[in-house]
Amino acid sequence: MLDAALSLMMLALIALIGGAFILFRRGERKRPALMLVMAAVMLVNLMIWTLPTPGGKTLAAEAQGK
């Protein structure tokens, strides 16, 4: 279940960056900036869950008990 959540988070991250790019090209400034900030927060959260610890396991693997 956690794998699906992390995959959806990555897809949402890509959609946010793409949407921010499109809105920026249309001349908006505030909404694309907020979308990029939210994408950055999601990226950091994704990195926290998937980067290995010094023991070699990821937080996602620890949460699933692997």
C-alpha atoms as a PDB file:
ATOM      1  CA  MET A   1       0.000   0.000   0.000  1.00  0.00           C
ATOM      2  CA  LEU A   2       2.848   2.361   0.792  1.00  0.00           C
ATOM      3  CA  ASP A   3       4.376   1.689  -2.634  1.00  0.00           C
ATOM      4  CA  ALA A   4       1.164   2.864  -4.285  1.00  0.00           C
ATOM      5  CA  ALA A   5       1.099   6.009  -2.150  1.00  0.00           C
ATOM      6  CA  LEU A   6       4.712   6.834  -3.039  1.00  0.00           C
ATOM      7  CA  SER A   7       3.985   6.236  -6.739  1.00  0.00           C
ATOM      8  CA  LEU A   8       0.945   8.517  -6.626  1.00  0.00           C
ATOM      9  CA  MET A   9       3.036  11.148  -4.864  1.00  0.00           C
ATOM     10  CA  MET A  10       5.587  11.010  -7.689  1.00  0.00           C
ATOM     11  CA  LEU A  11       2.864  11.331 -10.332  1.00  0.00           C
ATOM     12  CA  ALA A  12       1.352  14.291  -8.472  1.00  0.00           C
ATOM     13  CA  LEU A  13       4.802  15.868  -8.285  1.00  0.00           C
ATOM     14  CA  ILE A  14       5.190  15.619 -12.062  1.00  0.00           C
ATOM     15  CA  ALA A  15       1.678  17.016 -12.593  1.00  0.00           C
ATOM     16  CA  LEU A  16       2.360  19.957 -10.260  1.00  0.00           C
ATOM     17  CA  ILE A  17       5.560  20.892 -12.060  1.00  0.00           C
ATOM     18  CA  GLY A  18       3.873  20.602 -15.455  1.00  0.00           C
ATOM     19  CA  GLY A  19       0.867  22.625 -14.327  1.00  0.00           C
ATOM     20  CA  ALA A  20       3.082  25.308 -12.833  1.00  0.00           C
ATOM     21  CA  PHE A  21       5.005  25.563 -16.104  1.00  0.00           C
ATOM     22  CA  ILE A  22       1.790  25.935 -18.107  1.00  0.00           C
ATOM     23  CA  LEU A  23       0.369  28.579 -15.764  1.00  0.00           C
ATOM     24  CA  PHE A  24       3.667  30.472 -15.754  1.00  0.00           C
ATOM     25  CA  ARG A  25       3.616  30.632 -19.555  1.00  0.00           C
ATOM     26  CA  ARG A  26       0.079  32.065 -19.408  1.00  0.00           C
ATOM     27  CA  GLY A  27       1.368  34.981 -17.344  1.00  0.00           C
ATOM     28  CA  GLU A  28       0.388  33.987 -13.818  1.00  0.00           C
ATOM     29  CA  ARG A  29       2.986  34.250 -11.074  1.00  0.00           C
ATOM     30  CA  LYS A  30       1.495  33.462  -7.665  1.00  0.00           C
ATOM     31  CA  ARG A  31      -0.194  30.101  -8.293  1.00  0.00           C
ATOM     32  CA  PRO A  32       2.737  28.551 -10.191  1.00  0.00           C
ATOM     33  CA  ALA A  33       5.111  29.624  -7.417  1.00  0.00           C
ATOM     34  CA  LEU A  34       2.888  27.994  -4.799  1.00  0.00           C
ATOM     35  CA  MET A  35       2.619  24.859  -6.921  1.00  0.00           C
ATOM     36  CA  LEU A  36       6.414  24.657  -7.168  1.00  0.00           C
ATOM     37  CA  VAL A  37       6.758  25.113  -3.402  1.00  0.00           C
ATOM     38  CA  MET A  38       4.281  22.278  -2.840  1.00  0.00           C
ATOM     39  CA  ALA A  39       6.169  20.127  -5.353  1.00  0.00           C
ATOM     40  CA  ALA A  40       9.428  20.800  -3.491  1.00  0.00           C
ATOM     41  CA  VAL A  41       7.850  19.787  -0.179  1.00  0.00           C
ATOM     42  CA  MET A  42       6.523  16.595  -1.768  1.00  0.00           C
ATOM     43  CA  LEU A  43       9.941  15.836  -3.270  1.00  0.00           C
ATOM     44  CA  VAL A  44      11.664  16.208   0.095  1.00  0.00           C
ATOM     45  CA  ASN A  45       9.036  13.975   1.700  1.00  0.00           C
ATOM     46  CA  LEU A  46       9.516  11.385  -1.041  1.00  0.00           C
ATOM     47  CA  MET A  47      13.284  11.498  -0.587  1.00  0.00           C
ATOM     48  CA  ILE A  48      12.959  11.009   3.169  1.00  0.00           C
ATOM     49  CA  TRP A  49      10.894   7.870   2.640  1.00  0.00           C
ATOM     50  CA  THR A  50      13.020   6.338  -0.133  1.00  0.00           C
ATOM     51  CA  LEU A  51      16.658   7.186   0.641  1.00  0.00           C
ATOM     52  CA  PRO A  52      18.463   4.421   2.518  1.00  0.00           C
ATOM     53  CA  THR A  53      19.508   4.804   6.133  1.00  0.00           C
ATOM     54  CA  PRO A  54      23.093   4.049   7.229  1.00  0.00           C
ATOM     55  CA  GLY A  55      21.910   0.476   7.897  1.00  0.00           C
ATOM     56  CA  GLY A  56      20.917   0.083   4.251  1.00  0.00           C
ATOM     57  CA  LYS A  57      17.139   0.040   4.693  1.00  0.00           C
ATOM     58  CA  THR A  58      14.647   2.696   3.662  1.00  0.00           C
ATOM     59  CA  LEU A  59      11.940   4.104   5.885  1.00  0.00           C
ATOM     60  CA  ALA A  60       9.353   2.637   3.542  1.00  0.00           C
ATOM     61  CA  ALA A  61      10.845  -0.841   3.983  1.00  0.00           C
ATOM     62  CA  GLU A  62      10.963  -0.379   7.748  1.00  0.00           C
ATOM     63  CA  ALA A  63       7.306   0.681   7.795  1.00  0.00           C
ATOM     64  CA  GLN A  64       6.323  -2.424   5.836  1.00  0.00           C
ATOM     65  CA  GLY A  65       8.428  -4.651   8.070  1.00  0.00           C
ATOM     66  CA  LYS A  66      10.782  -5.885   5.333  1.00  0.00           C
END
